[in-house]
Protein backbone atom coordinates (compact mmCIF):
# COMPACT_ATOMS: atom_id res chain seq x y z
CA MET A 1 80.49 119.52 142.85
CA PHE A 2 84.29 119.47 143.19
CA VAL A 3 86.03 122.58 141.86
CA THR A 4 89.82 122.74 141.63
CA GLU A 5 91.36 125.70 143.42
CA GLY A 6 91.82 128.59 141.04
CA ALA A 7 89.48 127.07 138.43
CA ARG A 8 86.61 129.50 139.03
CA ASN A 9 85.91 132.22 136.45
CA THR A 10 88.68 131.04 134.10
CA ARG A 11 86.40 130.36 131.16
CA ALA A 12 86.77 133.20 128.68
CA GLU A 13 83.71 134.80 127.19
CA PRO A 14 83.29 133.94 123.49
CA ARG A 15 84.53 136.65 121.16
CA ARG A 16 81.86 138.42 119.14
CA ILE A 17 82.02 137.69 115.40
CA GLY A 18 81.02 140.16 112.72
CA LEU A 19 80.59 138.00 109.62
CA ALA A 20 80.24 138.71 105.91
CA VAL A 21 79.14 135.89 103.60
CA VAL A 22 80.19 136.72 100.04
CA GLY A 23 78.16 134.75 97.52
CA SER A 24 74.47 134.05 97.98
CA GLY A 25 74.18 130.85 95.97
CA ARG A 26 73.37 127.42 97.38
CA ILE A 27 76.43 126.96 99.60
CA GLY A 28 76.75 130.60 100.61
CA SER A 29 73.09 130.63 101.61
CA LEU A 30 73.51 127.46 103.67
CA ARG A 31 76.54 128.86 105.48
CA ALA A 32 74.76 132.17 106.09
CA ARG A 33 71.75 130.38 107.59
CA LEU A 34 74.03 128.38 109.89
CA ALA A 35 75.92 131.54 110.89
CA ALA A 36 72.69 133.37 111.68
CA GLU A 37 71.97 130.75 114.36
CA HIS A 38 75.46 130.81 115.93
CA PRO A 39 75.46 132.56 119.32
CA ALA A 40 78.79 134.33 118.72
CA VAL A 41 77.71 135.99 115.45
CA GLY A 42 76.60 139.47 116.46
CA PHE A 43 76.65 141.10 113.01
CA LEU A 44 75.86 139.37 109.71
CA ALA A 45 76.22 140.76 106.19
CA VAL A 46 75.54 138.97 102.89
CA ALA A 47 76.66 140.01 99.43
CA ASP A 48 76.33 138.86 95.85
CA ARG A 49 76.75 140.44 92.45
CA ASP A 50 73.09 139.53 92.02
CA GLY A 51 71.67 142.07 94.42
CA VAL A 52 68.23 140.46 94.33
CA ALA A 53 69.66 137.16 95.60
CA ALA A 54 71.58 138.95 98.36
CA ARG A 55 68.54 140.96 99.46
CA GLU A 56 66.26 137.91 99.50
CA LEU A 57 68.78 135.95 101.57
CA ALA A 58 69.25 138.87 103.96
CA ASP A 59 65.48 139.17 104.43
CA ASP A 60 65.15 135.44 104.99
CA ILE A 61 67.80 135.22 107.73
CA ASN A 62 67.35 138.73 109.16
CA ALA A 63 70.89 139.81 108.21
CA ASP A 64 72.10 143.25 109.28
CA LEU A 65 73.33 144.23 105.81
CA TRP A 66 73.05 143.13 102.21
CA SER A 67 74.96 144.42 99.20
CA ASP A 68 75.59 143.78 95.53
CA ASP A 69 79.18 144.92 96.14
CA ASN A 70 81.38 142.23 97.73
CA THR A 71 83.98 144.80 98.78
CA GLU A 72 81.40 146.82 100.72
CA ALA A 73 80.52 143.78 102.83
CA ILE A 74 84.12 142.61 103.27
CA THR A 75 85.43 146.00 104.44
CA HIS A 76 82.47 146.93 106.65
CA PRO A 77 83.84 148.05 110.06
CA ASP A 78 81.60 145.60 111.95
CA VAL A 79 82.93 142.62 109.95
CA SER A 80 85.81 140.63 111.47
CA ALA A 81 85.51 137.44 109.40
CA VAL A 82 84.50 136.55 105.85
CA ILE A 83 83.13 133.43 104.17
CA VAL A 84 83.91 133.43 100.43
CA SER A 85 81.29 131.32 98.64
CA THR A 86 81.55 132.86 95.19
CA SER A 87 82.08 130.77 92.06
CA GLU A 88 85.55 129.23 91.86
CA GLY A 89 86.94 131.78 89.43
CA GLU A 90 86.07 134.67 91.77
CA HIS A 91 87.77 133.36 94.94
CA VAL A 92 91.09 135.14 94.57
CA GLU A 93 89.90 138.75 94.49
CA ALA A 94 87.54 138.30 97.44
CA VAL A 95 90.05 136.36 99.56
CA LEU A 96 92.86 138.82 98.93
CA GLY A 97 90.56 141.72 99.77
CA ALA A 98 89.49 140.13 103.04
CA LEU A 99 93.03 139.20 104.08
CA ALA A 100 94.28 142.70 103.23
CA ALA A 101 91.58 144.08 105.50
CA GLY A 102 92.78 141.86 108.35
CA LYS A 103 89.73 139.57 108.33
CA SER A 104 89.71 135.84 109.09
CA VAL A 105 88.65 133.91 105.97
CA LEU A 106 86.89 130.67 105.14
CA VAL A 107 86.85 130.08 101.38
CA GLU A 108 85.17 127.25 99.52
CA LYS A 109 87.35 124.74 97.74
CA PRO A 110 89.46 125.06 95.67
CA LEU A 111 91.62 127.82 97.10
CA ALA A 112 92.27 129.05 93.55
CA LEU A 113 92.37 127.62 90.04
CA THR A 114 96.10 128.13 89.43
CA LEU A 115 99.22 127.79 91.56
CA PRO A 116 100.32 131.43 90.99
CA ASP A 117 96.96 132.63 92.32
CA ALA A 118 97.19 130.23 95.27
CA ASP A 119 100.67 131.56 96.01
CA ARG A 120 99.41 135.15 95.89
CA ILE A 121 96.90 134.24 98.58
CA LEU A 122 99.44 132.47 100.76
CA ASP A 123 101.90 135.35 100.39
CA ALA A 124 99.23 137.71 101.74
CA GLY A 125 99.34 135.94 105.11
CA GLY A 126 96.51 136.10 107.60
CA ASP A 127 94.03 133.66 109.12
CA LEU A 128 92.82 131.43 106.28
CA HIS A 129 90.93 128.14 106.10
CA VAL A 130 89.49 126.27 103.11
CA GLY A 131 86.21 124.36 103.02
CA TYR A 132 86.99 120.73 102.26
CA SER A 133 83.95 119.45 104.11
CA ARG A 134 84.64 115.72 103.60
CA ARG A 135 86.90 116.07 106.64
CA PHE A 136 83.75 116.73 108.68
CA ARG A 137 81.82 113.69 107.51
CA ARG A 138 81.68 111.65 110.70
CA ARG A 139 83.14 108.44 109.30
CA TYR A 140 86.26 110.25 108.04
CA HIS A 141 86.65 112.24 111.24
CA VAL A 142 86.54 108.98 113.21
CA ALA A 143 88.98 107.39 110.76
CA LYS A 144 91.46 110.21 111.36
CA GLU A 145 91.22 109.54 115.09
CA GLN A 146 92.26 105.90 114.60
CA ILE A 147 95.33 107.03 112.66
CA VAL A 148 96.23 109.67 115.27
CA GLN A 149 95.93 107.03 118.01
CA GLY A 150 98.38 104.77 116.14
CA ARG A 151 95.91 101.93 115.62
CA MET A 152 96.71 101.67 111.90
CA GLY A 153 100.48 101.73 112.30
CA ARG A 154 102.16 103.39 109.33
CA LEU A 155 99.84 103.92 106.38
CA LEU A 156 101.11 102.03 103.34
CA GLY A 157 98.43 102.92 100.83
CA ALA A 158 94.82 103.79 100.14
CA ALA A 159 92.11 103.75 97.52
CA ALA A 160 89.22 106.17 97.15
CA ARG A 161 86.65 106.74 94.48
CA VAL A 162 83.66 109.04 94.12
CA TYR A 163 80.74 108.74 91.71
CA ASN A 164 78.03 111.26 90.84
CA SER A 165 75.31 111.69 88.26
CA ARG A 166 75.73 113.34 84.89
CA SER A 167 72.96 115.81 85.83
CA GLN A 168 75.24 117.38 88.42
CA ALA A 169 78.20 117.29 86.03
CA LEU A 170 76.25 119.14 83.35
CA ALA A 171 75.04 121.72 85.87
CA MET A 172 78.64 122.24 87.01
CA LEU A 173 79.91 122.64 83.45
CA GLY A 174 77.03 124.92 82.51
CA ARG A 175 78.06 127.20 85.39
CA ASN A 176 81.78 126.92 84.69
CA PRO A 177 82.79 125.32 81.36
CA ASP A 178 86.45 125.20 82.46
CA ALA A 179 85.68 122.98 85.45
CA THR A 180 86.19 119.22 85.49
CA PRO A 181 85.05 116.38 87.76
CA VAL A 182 88.64 116.25 89.05
CA VAL A 183 88.65 119.92 90.09
CA ASP A 184 85.05 119.89 91.30
CA ALA A 185 84.83 116.57 93.17
CA LEU A 186 87.98 114.47 93.24
CA THR A 187 89.72 117.41 94.91
CA TYR A 188 87.77 116.56 98.10
CA TYR A 189 89.36 113.11 98.18
CA VAL A 190 92.82 114.40 97.33
CA ASP A 191 92.47 116.63 100.39
CA LEU A 192 91.07 113.74 102.42
CA VAL A 193 93.94 111.35 101.71
CA ASN A 194 96.51 114.12 102.17
CA TRP A 195 94.92 114.80 105.58
CA LEU A 196 94.92 111.11 106.50
CA PHE A 197 98.55 110.83 105.28
CA GLU A 198 99.47 114.04 107.10
CA GLY A 199 103.19 114.80 107.16
CA ARG A 200 103.85 113.27 103.74
CA SER A 201 103.85 114.78 100.27
CA VAL A 202 102.86 113.50 96.83
CA VAL A 203 105.91 113.33 94.55
CA GLU A 204 104.56 111.52 91.47
CA VAL A 205 101.21 111.27 89.66
CA ARG A 206 100.01 108.98 86.89
CA ALA A 207 96.47 109.15 85.48
CA ILE A 208 94.18 108.03 82.67
CA GLY A 209 90.75 109.23 81.61
CA SER A 210 87.97 108.27 79.22
CA ARG A 211 85.28 110.31 77.49
CA GLY A 212 81.76 109.79 76.20
CA VAL A 213 78.76 111.21 78.04
CA LEU A 214 80.09 114.71 78.72
CA THR A 215 81.61 114.99 75.24
CA GLU A 216 78.26 114.10 73.67
CA ALA A 217 76.74 116.92 75.72
CA GLY A 218 79.23 119.39 74.22
CA TYR A 219 81.97 119.41 76.86
CA GLU A 220 85.43 118.01 76.12
CA ARG A 221 85.86 116.58 79.59
CA ASP A 222 86.63 113.12 80.92
CA ASP A 223 83.69 111.17 82.30
CA ILE A 224 86.05 108.96 84.30
CA THR A 225 89.53 109.68 85.67
CA TRP A 226 91.73 107.23 87.55
CA ALA A 227 94.94 108.40 89.22
CA LEU A 228 97.83 106.79 91.06
CA LEU A 229 99.68 108.96 93.58
CA THR A 230 103.07 108.13 95.05
CA TYR A 231 104.08 109.78 98.33
CA ASP A 232 107.59 110.69 99.38
CA ASP A 233 107.80 107.65 101.69
CA GLY A 234 106.66 105.23 98.94
CA ALA A 235 103.00 105.00 99.98
CA ALA A 236 100.68 104.44 96.99
CA VAL A 237 97.15 105.83 96.66
CA ASN A 238 94.62 105.11 93.91
CA LEU A 239 91.94 107.79 93.35
CA GLY A 240 89.04 107.74 90.89
CA VAL A 241 86.10 109.90 89.89
CA SER A 242 83.15 109.47 87.55
CA TYR A 243 80.45 112.06 86.91
CA ALA A 244 78.78 110.01 84.19
CA LEU A 245 76.26 107.99 86.19
CA PRO A 246 72.69 108.11 84.82
CA GLU A 247 70.81 111.36 85.33
CA LYS A 248 68.34 109.85 87.81
CA TYR A 249 70.85 107.78 89.78
CA PRO A 250 69.54 107.63 93.39
CA ALA A 251 72.54 109.37 94.98
CA ARG A 252 71.85 113.09 95.42
CA GLY A 253 75.57 113.85 95.67
CA HIS A 254 78.82 111.97 96.26
CA ALA A 255 78.70 108.18 96.32
CA ALA A 256 82.11 107.28 97.67
CA ARG A 257 84.27 104.53 99.10
CA VAL A 258 87.60 104.87 100.90
CA GLU A 259 89.99 102.10 101.90
CA LEU A 260 93.13 102.47 104.01
CA ILE A 261 95.89 99.91 104.55
CA GLY A 262 98.48 100.25 107.32
CA THR A 263 101.16 98.12 108.89
CA ASP A 264 98.83 97.34 111.83
CA GLY A 265 95.34 97.68 110.43
CA VAL A 266 92.88 98.23 107.59
CA MET A 267 89.84 100.50 107.30
CA LEU A 268 87.02 100.07 104.77
CA LEU A 269 84.76 103.14 104.70
CA ASP A 270 81.58 102.67 102.67
CA ASP A 271 80.05 106.06 101.85
CA ASP A 272 77.74 104.98 99.00
CA HIS A 273 74.56 105.45 101.10
CA THR A 274 72.99 102.29 99.70
CA ASP A 275 71.98 101.36 103.26
CA GLN A 276 69.30 104.09 103.24
CA VAL A 277 66.94 103.66 100.29
CA MET A 278 63.56 105.30 99.78
CA TYR A 279 61.09 105.28 96.89
CA SER A 280 58.45 108.00 96.78
CA ASN A 281 55.73 108.71 94.24
CA VAL A 282 55.96 112.36 95.31
CA GLY A 283 59.64 112.72 94.33
CA VAL A 284 62.69 113.87 96.28
CA PRO A 285 64.47 117.16 95.40
CA HIS A 286 68.20 117.58 94.79
CA VAL A 287 70.07 119.73 97.32
CA TYR A 288 72.03 121.46 94.49
CA LEU A 289 69.77 121.36 91.44
CA PRO A 290 66.41 123.16 91.64
CA GLY A 291 63.69 121.21 89.89
CA ASP A 292 65.73 118.01 89.72
CA GLU A 293 63.81 115.25 91.47
CA VAL A 294 64.02 111.46 91.65
CA ASN A 295 61.60 108.84 92.92
CA ALA A 296 64.25 106.44 94.22
CA VAL A 297 66.83 108.05 96.50
CA PHE A 298 69.71 107.10 98.76
CA LEU A 299 68.88 109.11 101.86
CA SER A 300 71.68 111.21 103.42
CA SER A 301 73.57 111.23 100.11
CA GLY A 302 73.46 115.01 99.70
CA THR A 303 77.10 116.08 99.65
CA PRO A 304 76.79 119.09 102.03
CA GLY A 305 74.17 117.44 104.25
CA ASP A 306 70.40 117.38 104.61
CA TRP A 307 67.48 119.36 105.95
CA ALA A 308 65.81 117.47 108.78
CA LEU A 309 63.08 118.83 111.08
CA GLY A 310 64.02 122.43 110.40
CA ASP A 311 67.78 121.99 110.87
CA PHE A 312 70.52 121.54 108.31
CA ILE A 313 72.71 118.63 109.43
CA GLY A 314 75.82 117.04 107.98
CA PRO A 315 79.42 117.90 107.09
CA LEU A 316 78.87 121.46 105.85
CA ALA A 317 77.04 122.35 109.07
CA ALA A 318 79.69 120.70 111.26
CA GLU A 319 82.48 122.44 109.34
CA THR A 320 80.84 125.88 109.49
CA ARG A 321 80.16 125.61 113.22
CA ALA A 322 83.68 124.33 113.91
CA TRP A 323 85.17 127.38 112.16
CA LEU A 324 82.87 129.81 113.97
CA ASP A 325 83.66 128.10 117.30
CA HIS A 326 87.35 128.47 116.47
CA LEU A 327 86.95 132.21 115.89
CA ALA A 328 84.82 132.70 119.00
CA THR A 329 86.79 130.61 121.51
CA GLY A 330 90.18 129.85 119.97
CA ARG A 331 89.31 126.16 119.95
CA PRO A 332 91.44 124.27 117.39
CA CYS A 333 89.63 123.33 114.19
CA HIS A 334 90.43 120.75 111.56
CA LEU A 335 89.60 122.72 108.42
CA ALA A 336 92.22 122.70 105.69
CA THR A 337 94.86 125.40 106.02
CA GLY A 338 96.08 127.53 103.12
CA PRO A 339 99.25 125.48 102.57
CA GLU A 340 97.26 122.23 102.72
CA ALA A 341 94.77 123.55 100.16
CA ARG A 342 97.64 124.67 97.93
CA ALA A 343 99.11 121.14 98.08
CA THR A 344 95.72 119.67 97.15
CA LEU A 345 95.41 122.06 94.21
CA GLU A 346 98.85 121.04 92.98
CA VAL A 347 97.93 117.35 93.03
CA THR A 348 94.62 117.92 91.21
CA LEU A 349 96.41 119.93 88.51
CA ALA A 350 98.97 117.14 88.22
CA ILE A 351 96.18 114.57 87.79
CA GLU A 352 94.66 116.65 84.98
CA GLN A 353 98.07 117.03 83.33
CA ALA A 354 98.89 113.33 83.62
CA ALA A 355 95.50 112.24 82.24
CA SER A 356 95.81 114.68 79.35
CA SER A 357 99.40 113.86 78.40
CA GLY A 358 99.60 110.18 79.27
CA ALA A 359 102.94 110.90 80.94
CA THR A 360 104.02 110.56 84.56
CA VAL A 361 104.03 113.95 86.29
CA THR A 362 106.51 114.72 89.06
CA LEU A 363 105.90 117.21 91.82
CA PRO A 364 106.48 120.01 92.65
CA LEU A 365 104.97 121.41 89.47
CA ASP A 366 106.33 124.37 87.62
CA GLY A 367 105.00 127.44 89.44
CA ALA A 368 103.41 128.68 86.22
CA GLN A 369 100.69 126.00 86.45
């Protein structure tokens, strides 16, 4: 084997990671399981206000520490990095605590629920990434490569829409009545198009919404929202979300479609999963909703990914491993940065405001949002 002079023994040993996963719900548990298998993670703590959930997760993955006190896990001297997988309204306190302690942070989307809280986090500084896992779905990762390579020319516009079942919408609202399909799901596609249109900023938002299913269930929230974004170079993007599909719709998560138009190309990205259909008399469980099963299912439609032959595969796994690899080796990662997540939050808030008021909303928003 040919070895270039001076190339021997230049590969640095991976840095050891001491990791705390704060939040032992569905996503926190998935990330903790993935971290437990990563070779650079030498210390693993899990925490949750529900101490029983934290202890059961710790026992299951052989964690070194469990706690019902998030601060205890975050500030532990063996912890160098923190994953914040709490409910959305609890992100700020945990993230600020971790950054103040000098820890690297991965927080689930959204960064915060208001711009002032997002700005508090950004003002704290530190190493921060935000989990917008659509970036790590292979088709979108490959799409980004085509743009980077210049094969699309200059992007002129795009369209993206995501559908989901009302069962997941009602579970989301039952957990957090202040949430909306825009904040919970469309935010992924706001981040995605902002990433694909990297270097440009949204300056104007128009939106409309309609109500029915969720209102009948007791939540004054739009079932469907359509938005039109205008970027600072004139590019136009249409985004839509509906969480009103029938309860037993075969998709077990996001059913999406993304289209991109450039001066030198077009991309049509079908992410509806209708190419993988199964019917089972036994029933197929939902990755998010315990006890929710369907007989007909679009395979691989679980938003975070799927269990297969003992491994969890898909965008959440790829994203988690990419972040841990980044910490261990310094390898660049493509997770959303704090400023990018703040920009996404601003657009989602503008969509909500435009749909509610019927007026065109210009950005930047008032900082009090």
